[in-house]
C-alpha atoms as a PDB file:
ATOM      1  CA  MET A   1       2.354 -28.473  18.901  1.00  0.00           C
ATOM      2  CA  SER A   2      -0.739 -28.972  21.192  1.00  0.00           C
ATOM      3  CA  ALA A   3      -4.478 -28.909  20.333  1.00  0.00           C
ATOM      4  CA  ASN A   4      -4.281 -25.759  22.513  1.00  0.00           C
ATOM      5  CA  ALA A   5      -1.256 -24.230  21.164  1.00  0.00           C
ATOM      6  CA  THR A   6      -2.062 -20.314  20.390  1.00  0.00           C
ATOM      7  CA  ALA A   7      -0.109 -18.089  18.151  1.00  0.00           C
ATOM      8  CA  SER A   8       0.355 -14.556  17.880  1.00  0.00           C
ATOM      9  CA  THR A   9      -0.865 -13.206  14.658  1.00  0.00           C
ATOM     10  CA  GLY A  10      -0.727 -10.201  11.792  1.00  0.00           C
ATOM     11  CA  SER A  11      -3.202 -11.503  10.042  1.00  0.00           C
ATOM     12  CA  SER A  12      -5.772 -10.594  12.401  1.00  0.00           C
ATOM     13  CA  ALA A  13      -7.635  -7.925   9.861  1.00  0.00           C
ATOM     14  CA  ALA A  14     -11.210  -9.736   8.253  1.00  0.00           C
ATOM     15  CA  ILE A  15     -10.205 -11.425   4.902  1.00  0.00           C
ATOM     16  CA  PRO A  16     -13.549 -11.133   2.954  1.00  0.00           C
ATOM     17  CA  VAL A  17     -14.168 -14.033   0.236  1.00  0.00           C
ATOM     18  CA  ARG A  18     -15.498 -12.175  -2.956  1.00  0.00           C
ATOM     19  CA  ASP A  19     -17.489 -14.688  -5.146  1.00  0.00           C
ATOM     20  CA  ILE A  20     -16.569 -12.689  -8.927  1.00  0.00           C
ATOM     21  CA  HIS A  21     -17.080 -14.312 -11.964  1.00  0.00           C
ATOM     22  CA  PHE A  22     -14.858 -12.916 -14.716  1.00  0.00           C
ATOM     23  CA  ASP A  23     -16.019 -12.868 -18.371  1.00  0.00           C
ATOM     24  CA  LEU A  24     -13.174 -13.689 -20.177  1.00  0.00           C
ATOM     25  CA  SER A  25     -14.982 -15.072 -23.738  1.00  0.00           C
ATOM     26  CA  ALA A  26     -14.622 -11.452 -25.702  1.00  0.00           C
ATOM     27  CA  SER A  27     -11.094 -11.313 -24.735  1.00  0.00           C
ATOM     28  CA  PRO A  28      -8.062 -11.810 -27.128  1.00  0.00           C
ATOM     29  CA  MET A  29      -6.066 -14.449 -27.058  1.00  0.00           C
ATOM     30  CA  LEU A  30      -2.771 -12.546 -27.248  1.00  0.00           C
ATOM     31  CA  TRP A  31      -4.804 -10.420 -24.668  1.00  0.00           C
ATOM     32  CA  HIS A  32      -1.509  -7.845 -23.318  1.00  0.00           C
ATOM     33  CA  GLY A  33      -1.426  -5.465 -26.106  1.00  0.00           C
ATOM     34  CA  GLY A  34      -0.929  -8.281 -28.924  1.00  0.00           C
ATOM     35  CA  SER A  35       2.202  -9.422 -27.079  1.00  0.00           C
ATOM     36  CA  ALA A  36       2.758 -12.891 -27.660  1.00  0.00           C
ATOM     37  CA  GLY A  37       5.644 -12.769 -25.187  1.00  0.00           C
ATOM     38  CA  VAL A  38       4.208 -10.209 -22.255  1.00  0.00           C
ATOM     39  CA  THR A  39       0.801 -12.346 -22.437  1.00  0.00           C
ATOM     40  CA  GLY A  40       2.763 -15.902 -22.685  1.00  0.00           C
ATOM     41  CA  PHE A  41       4.047 -14.697 -19.173  1.00  0.00           C
ATOM     42  CA  TYR A  42       1.015 -14.264 -17.706  1.00  0.00           C
ATOM     43  CA  ASP A  43      -1.037 -17.505 -19.171  1.00  0.00           C
ATOM     44  CA  ALA A  44       2.093 -19.271 -17.541  1.00  0.00           C
ATOM     45  CA  LEU A  45       1.188 -17.833 -14.421  1.00  0.00           C
ATOM     46  CA  SER A  46      -2.221 -18.771 -14.838  1.00  0.00           C
ATOM     47  CA  ALA A  47      -1.450 -22.344 -15.940  1.00  0.00           C
ATOM     48  CA  CYS A  48       0.138 -22.888 -12.474  1.00  0.00           C
ATOM     49  CA  PHE A  49      -2.876 -21.418 -10.385  1.00  0.00           C
ATOM     50  CA  PRO A  50      -4.902 -24.249  -9.928  1.00  0.00           C
ATOM     51  CA  LEU A  51      -2.932 -26.890  -8.551  1.00  0.00           C
ATOM     52  CA  GLY A  52      -0.756 -24.504  -6.602  1.00  0.00           C
ATOM     53  CA  GLU A  53      -3.569 -23.044  -4.820  1.00  0.00           C
ATOM     54  CA  ALA A  54      -4.924 -26.234  -3.919  1.00  0.00           C
ATOM     55  CA  PHE A  55      -1.986 -27.207  -2.514  1.00  0.00           C
ATOM     56  CA  PHE A  56      -1.705 -23.792  -0.647  1.00  0.00           C
ATOM     57  CA  ILE A  57      -5.257 -24.360   1.143  1.00  0.00           C
ATOM     58  CA  ARG A  58      -4.150 -27.811   2.057  1.00  0.00           C
ATOM     59  CA  SER A  59      -0.920 -27.132   3.052  1.00  0.00           C
ATOM     60  CA  VAL A  60      -2.235 -24.117   5.603  1.00  0.00           C
ATOM     61  CA  LYS A  61      -5.740 -26.750   6.488  1.00  0.00           C
ATOM     62  CA  ARG A  62      -2.969 -29.090   8.189  1.00  0.00           C
ATOM     63  CA  GLY A  63      -0.986 -26.283   9.850  1.00  0.00           C
ATOM     64  CA  ALA A  64      -3.497 -24.147  11.385  1.00  0.00           C
ATOM     65  CA  ALA A  65      -5.666 -27.743  12.636  1.00  0.00           C
ATOM     66  CA  GLU A  66      -3.826 -27.325  15.872  1.00  0.00           C
ATOM     67  CA  ILE A  67      -3.587 -24.075  16.536  1.00  0.00           C
ATOM     68  CA  ASP A  68      -5.997 -22.263  18.818  1.00  0.00           C
ATOM     69  CA  ASP A  69      -6.001 -18.392  17.998  1.00  0.00           C
ATOM     70  CA  PRO A  70      -9.855 -17.148  16.772  1.00  0.00           C
ATOM     71  CA  ALA A  71      -8.221 -14.404  14.752  1.00  0.00           C
ATOM     72  CA  LEU A  72      -5.957 -16.347  12.845  1.00  0.00           C
ATOM     73  CA  ASN A  73      -8.178 -19.324  12.242  1.00  0.00           C
ATOM     74  CA  ALA A  74     -10.606 -16.633  10.931  1.00  0.00           C
ATOM     75  CA  ALA A  75      -7.930 -15.684   8.607  1.00  0.00           C
ATOM     76  CA  VAL A  76      -7.255 -18.806   7.374  1.00  0.00           C
ATOM     77  CA  ARG A  77     -11.044 -19.206   6.605  1.00  0.00           C
ATOM     78  CA  GLY A  78     -10.962 -16.447   4.476  1.00  0.00           C
ATOM     79  CA  PHE A  79      -7.409 -17.351   2.728  1.00  0.00           C
ATOM     80  CA  VAL A  80      -9.113 -20.925   1.809  1.00  0.00           C
ATOM     81  CA  GLY A  81     -12.214 -18.823   0.628  1.00  0.00           C
ATOM     82  CA  GLN A  82     -10.373 -16.093  -1.452  1.00  0.00           C
ATOM     83  CA  GLU A  83      -7.916 -19.116  -2.978  1.00  0.00           C
ATOM     84  CA  SER A  84     -10.625 -21.191  -3.796  1.00  0.00           C
ATOM     85  CA  VAL A  85     -12.215 -18.609  -5.703  1.00  0.00           C
ATOM     86  CA  HIS A  86      -9.212 -17.759  -7.706  1.00  0.00           C
ATOM     87  CA  SER A  87      -8.670 -21.582  -8.249  1.00  0.00           C
ATOM     88  CA  ARG A  88     -11.688 -21.712  -9.873  1.00  0.00           C
ATOM     89  CA  GLU A  89     -11.416 -18.430 -12.191  1.00  0.00           C
ATOM     90  CA  HIS A  90      -8.118 -19.656 -13.226  1.00  0.00           C
ATOM     91  CA  ARG A  91      -9.547 -23.275 -14.198  1.00  0.00           C
ATOM     92  CA  ALA A  92     -11.849 -21.074 -16.334  1.00  0.00           C
ATOM     93  CA  TYR A  93      -8.758 -19.220 -18.543  1.00  0.00           C
ATOM     94  CA  ASN A  94      -6.828 -22.619 -18.369  1.00  0.00           C
ATOM     95  CA  LYS A  95      -9.633 -24.082 -20.285  1.00  0.00           C
ATOM     96  CA  ARG A  96      -9.449 -21.190 -22.856  1.00  0.00           C
ATOM     97  CA  LEU A  97      -6.016 -21.671 -23.017  1.00  0.00           C
ATOM     98  CA  SER A  98      -6.774 -25.144 -24.137  1.00  0.00           C
ATOM     99  CA  ASP A  99      -9.339 -24.836 -26.576  1.00  0.00           C
ATOM    100  CA  ALA A 100      -6.595 -22.804 -27.880  1.00  0.00           C
ATOM    101  CA  GLY A 101      -4.367 -25.747 -28.429  1.00  0.00           C
ATOM    102  CA  TYR A 102      -2.001 -25.282 -25.503  1.00  0.00           C
ATOM    103  CA  ASP A 103      -0.897 -28.120 -23.429  1.00  0.00           C
ATOM    104  CA  VAL A 104      -2.280 -26.746 -20.211  1.00  0.00           C
ATOM    105  CA  ALA A 105      -2.172 -30.661 -19.325  1.00  0.00           C
ATOM    106  CA  ALA A 106       1.279 -31.227 -19.541  1.00  0.00           C
ATOM    107  CA  MET A 107       1.639 -28.245 -17.495  1.00  0.00           C
ATOM    108  CA  GLU A 108      -0.305 -29.765 -15.116  1.00  0.00           C
ATOM    109  CA  ARG A 109       1.313 -32.851 -15.081  1.00  0.00           C
ATOM    110  CA  ALA A 110       4.496 -31.831 -14.136  1.00  0.00           C
ATOM    111  CA  GLN A 111       3.826 -29.202 -11.435  1.00  0.00           C
ATOM    112  CA  ALA A 112       1.934 -32.125  -9.591  1.00  0.00           C
ATOM    113  CA  LYS A 113       4.836 -34.345  -9.489  1.00  0.00           C
ATOM    114  CA  THR A 114       6.622 -31.418  -7.786  1.00  0.00           C
ATOM    115  CA  ILE A 115       3.383 -30.842  -5.517  1.00  0.00           C
ATOM    116  CA  LYS A 116       3.507 -34.796  -4.810  1.00  0.00           C
ATOM    117  CA  TRP A 117       7.202 -34.654  -4.414  1.00  0.00           C
ATOM    118  CA  ILE A 118       6.721 -31.975  -1.263  1.00  0.00           C
ATOM    119  CA  GLU A 119       3.746 -33.175   0.332  1.00  0.00           C
ATOM    120  CA  GLU A 120       4.983 -37.084   0.012  1.00  0.00           C
ATOM    121  CA  ASP A 121       8.757 -36.596   0.603  1.00  0.00           C
ATOM    122  CA  LEU A 122       9.197 -33.110   2.702  1.00  0.00           C
ATOM    123  CA  GLY A 123       6.070 -33.510   4.675  1.00  0.00           C
ATOM    124  CA  ASP A 124       3.581 -31.399   5.877  1.00  0.00           C
ATOM    125  CA  ASP A 125       5.967 -28.649   7.993  1.00  0.00           C
ATOM    126  CA  ALA A 126       8.160 -28.191   4.448  1.00  0.00           C
ATOM    127  CA  ALA A 127       4.671 -27.977   2.617  1.00  0.00           C
ATOM    128  CA  LEU A 128       3.600 -24.667   4.665  1.00  0.00           C
ATOM    129  CA  GLY A 129       6.831 -23.106   4.925  1.00  0.00           C
ATOM    130  CA  ILE A 130       6.768 -23.543   0.959  1.00  0.00           C
ATOM    131  CA  THR A 131       3.213 -21.863   0.514  1.00  0.00           C
ATOM    132  CA  ALA A 132       4.259 -18.687   3.201  1.00  0.00           C
ATOM    133  CA  CYS A 133       7.718 -18.555   0.310  1.00  0.00           C
ATOM    134  CA  MET A 134       5.088 -18.949  -2.762  1.00  0.00           C
ATOM    135  CA  GLU A 135       2.612 -16.531  -0.983  1.00  0.00           C
ATOM    136  CA  HIS A 136       5.397 -13.520  -0.260  1.00  0.00           C
ATOM    137  CA  MET A 137       6.568 -14.467  -3.853  1.00  0.00           C
ATOM    138  CA  THR A 138       2.917 -13.867  -5.161  1.00  0.00           C
ATOM    139  CA  SER A 139       2.291 -11.042  -3.006  1.00  0.00           C
ATOM    140  CA  VAL A 140       5.675  -8.560  -4.051  1.00  0.00           C
ATOM    141  CA  LEU A 141       4.161  -9.499  -7.447  1.00  0.00           C
ATOM    142  CA  ALA A 142       0.896  -7.803  -6.062  1.00  0.00           C
ATOM    143  CA  GLY A 143       2.182  -5.134  -4.904  1.00  0.00           C
ATOM    144  CA  GLN A 144       3.895  -4.219  -8.570  1.00  0.00           C
ATOM    145  CA  ILE A 145       0.030  -5.009  -9.825  1.00  0.00           C
ATOM    146  CA  THR A 146      -1.863  -3.024  -7.656  1.00  0.00           C
ATOM    147  CA  TYR A 147       0.111   0.356  -7.448  1.00  0.00           C
ATOM    148  CA  ASP A 148       1.656   0.681 -11.353  1.00  0.00           C
ATOM    149  CA  GLU A 149      -0.906   0.985 -14.114  1.00  0.00           C
ATOM    150  CA  ALA A 150       2.010   0.285 -16.183  1.00  0.00           C
ATOM    151  CA  TYR A 151       2.043  -3.353 -15.985  1.00  0.00           C
ATOM    152  CA  LEU A 152      -1.851  -3.863 -17.001  1.00  0.00           C
ATOM    153  CA  ARG A 153      -2.124  -0.477 -19.040  1.00  0.00           C
ATOM    154  CA  ASP A 154      -2.310  -2.445 -22.494  1.00  0.00           C
ATOM    155  CA  ALA A 155      -4.458  -5.496 -21.666  1.00  0.00           C
ATOM    156  CA  ASP A 156      -7.846  -6.478 -22.752  1.00  0.00           C
ATOM    157  CA  PRO A 157     -10.281  -4.679 -19.924  1.00  0.00           C
ATOM    158  CA  ALA A 158     -11.545  -7.995 -18.809  1.00  0.00           C
ATOM    159  CA  MET A 159      -8.265  -9.723 -18.141  1.00  0.00           C
ATOM    160  CA  ARG A 160      -6.838  -6.470 -16.648  1.00  0.00           C
ATOM    161  CA  GLU A 161     -10.076  -6.671 -14.170  1.00  0.00           C
ATOM    162  CA  LEU A 162      -8.717 -10.864 -13.495  1.00  0.00           C
ATOM    163  CA  TRP A 163      -5.257  -9.726 -12.755  1.00  0.00           C
ATOM    164  CA  VAL A 164      -5.949  -6.619 -10.423  1.00  0.00           C
ATOM    165  CA  TRP A 165      -8.510  -8.697  -8.529  1.00  0.00           C
ATOM    166  CA  HIS A 166      -5.993 -11.603  -8.136  1.00  0.00           C
ATOM    167  CA  ALA A 167      -2.924  -9.602  -7.232  1.00  0.00           C
ATOM    168  CA  MET A 168      -5.084  -7.525  -4.281  1.00  0.00           C
ATOM    169  CA  GLU A 169      -6.745 -10.571  -2.528  1.00  0.00           C
ATOM    170  CA  GLU A 170      -2.658 -12.009  -2.931  1.00  0.00           C
ATOM    171  CA  ALA A 171      -1.727  -9.032  -0.897  1.00  0.00           C
ATOM    172  CA  GLU A 172      -4.714  -9.042   1.535  1.00  0.00           C
ATOM    173  CA  HIS A 173      -4.328 -12.564   2.698  1.00  0.00           C
ATOM    174  CA  GLY A 174      -0.384 -12.358   2.003  1.00  0.00           C
ATOM    175  CA  ALA A 175       0.178 -12.900   5.790  1.00  0.00           C
ATOM    176  CA  VAL A 176      -1.391 -15.999   6.722  1.00  0.00           C
ATOM    177  CA  ALA A 177       0.595 -18.870   6.000  1.00  0.00           C
ATOM    178  CA  PHE A 178       3.744 -17.189   7.136  1.00  0.00           C
ATOM    179  CA  ASP A 179       1.518 -16.274  10.772  1.00  0.00           C
ATOM    180  CA  VAL A 180       0.317 -19.750  10.444  1.00  0.00           C
ATOM    181  CA  LEU A 181       4.286 -21.217   9.800  1.00  0.00           C
ATOM    182  CA  ALA A 182       5.521 -18.504  12.490  1.00  0.00           C
ATOM    183  CA  ALA A 183       2.941 -20.351  15.510  1.00  0.00           C
ATOM    184  CA  LYS A 184       4.557 -23.765  14.182  1.00  0.00           C
ATOM    185  CA  ARG A 185       7.687 -23.250  13.321  1.00  0.00           C
ATOM    186  CA  PRO A 186       9.263 -20.236  13.739  1.00  0.00           C
ATOM    187  CA  GLY A 187      12.972 -20.451  12.982  1.00  0.00           C
ATOM    188  CA  TYR A 188      14.743 -17.923  11.215  1.00  0.00           C
ATOM    189  CA  PHE A 189      16.997 -20.428   8.810  1.00  0.00           C
ATOM    190  CA  TYR A 190      14.522 -22.734   8.172  1.00  0.00           C
ATOM    191  CA  ARG A 191      12.375 -20.288   6.724  1.00  0.00           C
ATOM    192  CA  VAL A 192      14.816 -18.923   4.882  1.00  0.00           C
ATOM    193  CA  GLY A 193      15.838 -22.136   3.481  1.00  0.00           C
ATOM    194  CA  LEU A 194      12.621 -22.782   2.435  1.00  0.00           C
ATOM    195  CA  MET A 195      12.621 -19.781   0.490  1.00  0.00           C
ATOM    196  CA  LEU A 196      15.899 -20.639  -1.924  1.00  0.00           C
ATOM    197  CA  LEU A 197      14.176 -23.925  -2.356  1.00  0.00           C
ATOM    198  CA  SER A 198      10.479 -22.189  -3.429  1.00  0.00           C
ATOM    199  CA  THR A 199      11.983 -19.549  -5.637  1.00  0.00           C
ATOM    200  CA  TRP A 200      14.209 -21.732  -7.739  1.00  0.00           C
ATOM    201  CA  MET A 201      10.715 -24.211  -8.232  1.00  0.00           C
ATOM    202  CA  LEU A 202       8.617 -21.443  -9.033  1.00  0.00           C
ATOM    203  CA  PHE A 203      10.996 -19.819 -11.565  1.00  0.00           C
ATOM    204  CA  GLU A 204      10.890 -23.319 -12.768  1.00  0.00           C
ATOM    205  CA  ILE A 205       7.638 -23.921 -13.021  1.00  0.00           C
ATOM    206  CA  ILE A 206       6.832 -20.632 -14.870  1.00  0.00           C
ATOM    207  CA  LEU A 207       9.676 -21.020 -17.166  1.00  0.00           C
ATOM    208  CA  ARG A 208       8.595 -24.484 -18.465  1.00  0.00           C
ATOM    209  CA  ASN A 209       5.042 -23.199 -18.674  1.00  0.00           C
ATOM    210  CA  TYR A 210       6.125 -20.532 -20.718  1.00  0.00           C
ATOM    211  CA  GLY A 211       8.050 -22.567 -22.794  1.00  0.00           C
ATOM    212  CA  LEU A 212       5.107 -24.605 -23.568  1.00  0.00           C
ATOM    213  CA  ILE A 213       3.726 -21.724 -24.531  1.00  0.00           C
ATOM    214  CA  ALA A 214       6.017 -20.389 -26.487  1.00  0.00           C
ATOM    215  CA  ARG A 215       6.422 -23.223 -28.768  1.00  0.00           C
ATOM    216  CA  THR A 216       2.723 -23.190 -29.264  1.00  0.00           C
ATOM    217  CA  ASP A 217       2.798 -19.471 -30.577  1.00  0.00           C
ATOM    218  CA  ARG A 218       6.063 -19.493 -32.671  1.00  0.00           C
ATOM    219  CA  ALA A 219       5.990 -15.840 -32.438  1.00  0.00           C
ATOM    220  CA  PRO A 220      10.185 -14.877 -33.020  1.00  0.00           C
ATOM    221  CA  ARG A 221       9.350 -11.768 -30.846  1.00  0.00           C
ATOM    222  CA  ALA A 222       7.899 -13.518 -28.105  1.00  0.00           C
ATOM    223  CA  LEU A 223      10.801 -14.322 -25.935  1.00  0.00           C
ATOM    224  CA  ARG A 224      12.586 -10.618 -26.611  1.00  0.00           C
ATOM    225  CA  GLU A 225       9.106  -8.695 -25.365  1.00  0.00           C
ATOM    226  CA  MET A 226       8.755 -10.880 -22.402  1.00  0.00           C
ATOM    227  CA  LEU A 227      12.365 -10.098 -21.370  1.00  0.00           C
ATOM    228  CA  SER A 228      12.102  -6.428 -22.060  1.00  0.00           C
ATOM    229  CA  TYR A 229       8.868  -6.440 -20.245  1.00  0.00           C
ATOM    230  CA  LEU A 230      10.225  -8.253 -16.941  1.00  0.00           C
ATOM    231  CA  PHE A 231      13.235  -6.838 -17.012  1.00  0.00           C
ATOM    232  CA  TRP A 232      13.333  -3.295 -18.752  1.00  0.00           C
ATOM    233  CA  SER A 233      10.028  -1.785 -19.363  1.00  0.00           C
ATOM    234  CA  PRO A 234       7.942  -1.771 -16.877  1.00  0.00           C
ATOM    235  CA  GLY A 235      11.025  -3.841 -15.345  1.00  0.00           C
ATOM    236  CA  PHE A 236       8.219  -6.331 -13.101  1.00  0.00           C
ATOM    237  CA  LEU A 237      11.014  -8.646 -11.847  1.00  0.00           C
ATOM    238  CA  ARG A 238      13.512  -6.260 -11.687  1.00  0.00           C
ATOM    239  CA  ARG A 239      11.209  -3.994  -9.745  1.00  0.00           C
ATOM    240  CA  VAL A 240      10.332  -6.525  -7.237  1.00  0.00           C
ATOM    241  CA  PHE A 241      13.915  -8.111  -6.439  1.00  0.00           C
ATOM    242  CA  PHE A 242      14.103  -5.772  -3.746  1.00  0.00           C
ATOM    243  CA  PRO A 243      10.614  -6.434  -1.820  1.00  0.00           C
ATOM    244  CA  TYR A 244      11.888 -10.447  -2.626  1.00  0.00           C
ATOM    245  CA  LEU A 245      14.752  -9.443  -0.328  1.00  0.00           C
ATOM    246  CA  SER A 246      13.222  -8.539   2.735  1.00  0.00           C
ATOM    247  CA  TRP A 247      12.086 -12.220   3.538  1.00  0.00           C
ATOM    248  CA  TYR A 248      15.109 -13.102   4.055  1.00  0.00           C
ATOM    249  CA  ARG A 249      15.625  -9.551   7.027  1.00  0.00           C
ATOM    250  CA  PRO A 250      15.393 -11.010  10.343  1.00  0.00           C
ATOM    251  CA  GLY A 251      11.810  -9.485  12.356  1.00  0.00           C
ATOM    252  CA  PHE A 252       9.980  -9.830   8.710  1.00  0.00           C
ATOM    253  CA  HIS A 253       6.608  -9.657   8.570  1.00  0.00           C
ATOM    254  CA  PRO A 254       4.869  -9.604   5.262  1.00  0.00           C
ATOM    255  CA  PHE A 255       2.673  -6.763   6.738  1.00  0.00           C
ATOM    256  CA  GLN A 256       5.820  -4.889   6.847  1.00  0.00           C
ATOM    257  CA  SER A 257       5.822  -4.315   2.786  1.00  0.00           C
ATOM    258  CA  ALA A 258       3.771  -2.037   0.509  1.00  0.00           C
ATOM    259  CA  ALA A 259       1.916  -4.797  -1.088  1.00  0.00           C
ATOM    260  CA  HIS A 260      -1.124  -4.727   1.522  1.00  0.00           C
ATOM    261  CA  GLU A 261      -1.615  -0.787   1.854  1.00  0.00           C
ATOM    262  CA  ARG A 262      -1.136  -0.633  -1.748  1.00  0.00           C
ATOM    263  CA  ALA A 263      -3.965  -3.443  -2.436  1.00  0.00           C
ATOM    264  CA  ALA A 264      -6.575  -1.236  -0.356  1.00  0.00           C
ATOM    265  CA  ALA A 265      -7.129   1.168  -3.163  1.00  0.00           C
ATOM    266  CA  HIS A 266      -9.092  -1.791  -4.892  1.00  0.00           C
ATOM    267  CA  ARG A 267     -11.081  -2.718  -2.030  1.00  0.00           C
ATOM    268  CA  ALA A 268     -14.136  -0.853  -2.541  1.00  0.00           C
ATOM    269  CA  HIS A 269     -13.894  -1.511  -6.477  1.00  0.00           C
ATOM    270  CA  TYR A 270     -14.462  -4.806  -6.051  1.00  0.00           C
ATOM    271  CA  ASP A 271     -16.814  -5.174  -2.884  1.00  0.00           C
ATOM    272  CA  ALA A 272     -19.057  -3.455  -5.100  1.00  0.00           C
ATOM    273  CA  LEU A 273     -18.508  -5.613  -7.977  1.00  0.00           C
ATOM    274  CA  THR A 274     -19.334  -8.843  -5.448  1.00  0.00           C
ATOM    275  CA  ARG A 275     -22.854  -7.180  -4.902  1.00  0.00           C
ATOM    276  CA  LYS A 276     -23.240  -6.641  -8.346  1.00  0.00           C
ATOM    277  CA  THR A 277     -22.354  -9.822  -8.823  1.00  0.00           C
ATOM    278  CA  ALA A 278     -24.352 -11.587  -6.626  1.00  0.00           C
END
């Protein structure tokens, strides 16, 4: 695409960067109702965020470099700002895990190999497409967290604050990578193929991280607790299945999902918190 290429974007709404620092120092290690399984699921997610979000930022910035669309370029800047703050806060979260004896370094080494393979062997377009796919999956998860209090009802308040904030912002910027991808390579079958690959990679990363966390916890009920949480009550993965499938619909756009609207209910709170901590 030439340097003067333009794009029609659904990401024209302002994406604010909220520079919030979360104090997790008083949060218990088993912060989700004392459950090793449920806490471990969220901890496994957190462990993959700093490297994953740095990869997302690189992919989107490379993809947007040749796009001449002021609205999309502004959305990219907001995306980069939000993801940078997410990465910083989850590095602090993950240091807490490392200090408690969890092998976060091993989790990151394995993830870094996957990212290196994508960037060096698959190339920039695939990296951007995988980013858009991952952003869709995090957005549908975010849509549940921001909509139903059941997911974090038993959580430590500081941890709940962090996860709802992260979920809200994922929903806010969930269309940016998709819009950059659409401007460069809008083919339907291309993005469907990348989603199948991305889904496998995301589950592989989370399951590997969870295995290392569970090995450290040695809690006999942990796996049963996690599976019940994900598939029965409240049924996290069970309830995101159909929103996830929306990606495969021709004509799909991320802002057609409920996640973006659901996030709006939390914006005033976190905007005020940003001003308070500034």
